[in-house]
């Protein structure tokens, strides 16, 4: 069930599994609530999303 939920979240945010893996492997880390670790990385996007054009996409992943 957790994998299906994670895949659904990727789809709704237009992120790919490859981008999330790259974010965890080489992104900037930051602290989050509940003693978790966050990872953040920017990727080229150059596309429209929700009616607005973006040149970059910020992907954030939270690890338990």
C-alpha atoms as a PDB file:
ATOM      1  CA  UNK A   1       0.000   0.000   0.000  1.00  0.00           C
ATOM      2  CA  UNK A   2       2.827   2.439   0.821  1.00  0.00           C
ATOM      3  CA  UNK A   3       4.410   1.917  -2.603  1.00  0.00           C
ATOM      4  CA  UNK A   4       1.117   2.643  -4.378  1.00  0.00           C
ATOM      5  CA  UNK A   5       0.695   5.805  -2.298  1.00  0.00           C
ATOM      6  CA  UNK A   6       4.245   6.940  -3.059  1.00  0.00           C
ATOM      7  CA  UNK A   7       3.725   6.316  -6.785  1.00  0.00           C
ATOM      8  CA  UNK A   8       0.479   8.313  -6.726  1.00  0.00           C
ATOM      9  CA  UNK A   9       2.274  11.220  -5.019  1.00  0.00           C
ATOM     10  CA  UNK A  10       5.013  11.132  -7.679  1.00  0.00           C
ATOM     11  CA  UNK A  11       2.417  11.311 -10.431  1.00  0.00           C
ATOM     12  CA  UNK A  12       0.446  14.191  -8.933  1.00  0.00           C
ATOM     13  CA  UNK A  13       3.666  16.183  -8.414  1.00  0.00           C
ATOM     14  CA  UNK A  14       5.101  15.336 -11.841  1.00  0.00           C
ATOM     15  CA  UNK A  15       8.278  13.913 -10.327  1.00  0.00           C
ATOM     16  CA  UNK A  16       9.932  10.730 -11.474  1.00  0.00           C
ATOM     17  CA  UNK A  17      11.404   7.892  -9.464  1.00  0.00           C
ATOM     18  CA  UNK A  18      14.799   8.670 -11.035  1.00  0.00           C
ATOM     19  CA  UNK A  19      14.585  12.282  -9.815  1.00  0.00           C
ATOM     20  CA  UNK A  20      13.733  11.180  -6.275  1.00  0.00           C
ATOM     21  CA  UNK A  21      16.633   8.740  -6.196  1.00  0.00           C
ATOM     22  CA  UNK A  22      19.003  11.443  -7.487  1.00  0.00           C
ATOM     23  CA  UNK A  23      17.641  13.864  -4.875  1.00  0.00           C
ATOM     24  CA  UNK A  24      18.417  11.439  -2.048  1.00  0.00           C
ATOM     25  CA  UNK A  25      21.832  10.542  -3.456  1.00  0.00           C
ATOM     26  CA  UNK A  26      23.127  14.049  -4.185  1.00  0.00           C
ATOM     27  CA  UNK A  27      20.615  16.591  -2.908  1.00  0.00           C
ATOM     28  CA  UNK A  28      21.021  19.029  -0.063  1.00  0.00           C
ATOM     29  CA  UNK A  29      19.871  17.642   3.284  1.00  0.00           C
ATOM     30  CA  UNK A  30      17.681  19.529   5.732  1.00  0.00           C
ATOM     31  CA  UNK A  31      16.058  18.660   9.070  1.00  0.00           C
ATOM     32  CA  UNK A  32      12.307  18.072   9.234  1.00  0.00           C
ATOM     33  CA  UNK A  33       9.761  17.541  11.977  1.00  0.00           C
ATOM     34  CA  UNK A  34       9.623  14.209  13.799  1.00  0.00           C
ATOM     35  CA  UNK A  35      13.392  13.582  13.519  1.00  0.00           C
ATOM     36  CA  UNK A  36      13.257  12.837   9.805  1.00  0.00           C
ATOM     37  CA  UNK A  37      15.726  13.915   7.136  1.00  0.00           C
ATOM     38  CA  UNK A  38      14.738  15.862   4.053  1.00  0.00           C
ATOM     39  CA  UNK A  39      16.553  15.990   0.733  1.00  0.00           C
ATOM     40  CA  UNK A  40      16.156  18.777  -1.839  1.00  0.00           C
ATOM     41  CA  UNK A  41      17.393  19.083  -5.421  1.00  0.00           C
ATOM     42  CA  UNK A  42      16.521  21.221  -8.458  1.00  0.00           C
ATOM     43  CA  UNK A  43      16.047  19.807 -11.962  1.00  0.00           C
ATOM     44  CA  UNK A  44      15.509  21.481 -15.349  1.00  0.00           C
ATOM     45  CA  UNK A  45      11.795  21.536 -16.180  1.00  0.00           C
ATOM     46  CA  UNK A  46      11.054  24.109 -18.916  1.00  0.00           C
ATOM     47  CA  UNK A  47       7.360  23.280 -19.079  1.00  0.00           C
ATOM     48  CA  UNK A  48       3.976  24.501 -17.966  1.00  0.00           C
ATOM     49  CA  UNK A  49       2.332  23.183 -14.817  1.00  0.00           C
ATOM     50  CA  UNK A  50      -1.030  24.348 -13.505  1.00  0.00           C
ATOM     51  CA  UNK A  51      -1.108  27.155 -16.062  1.00  0.00           C
ATOM     52  CA  UNK A  52       2.321  28.584 -15.233  1.00  0.00           C
ATOM     53  CA  UNK A  53       5.677  28.075 -16.976  1.00  0.00           C
ATOM     54  CA  UNK A  54       8.596  26.879 -14.840  1.00  0.00           C
ATOM     55  CA  UNK A  55      12.255  26.551 -15.841  1.00  0.00           C
ATOM     56  CA  UNK A  56      13.186  24.405 -12.842  1.00  0.00           C
ATOM     57  CA  UNK A  57      11.496  21.787 -10.706  1.00  0.00           C
ATOM     58  CA  UNK A  58      12.355  21.431  -7.005  1.00  0.00           C
ATOM     59  CA  UNK A  59      12.075  17.862  -5.750  1.00  0.00           C
ATOM     60  CA  UNK A  60      11.974  17.192  -2.018  1.00  0.00           C
ATOM     61  CA  UNK A  61      12.040  13.747  -0.434  1.00  0.00           C
ATOM     62  CA  UNK A  62      11.529  12.973   3.242  1.00  0.00           C
ATOM     63  CA  UNK A  63      13.162   9.879   4.762  1.00  0.00           C
ATOM     64  CA  UNK A  64      11.975   8.130   7.888  1.00  0.00           C
END
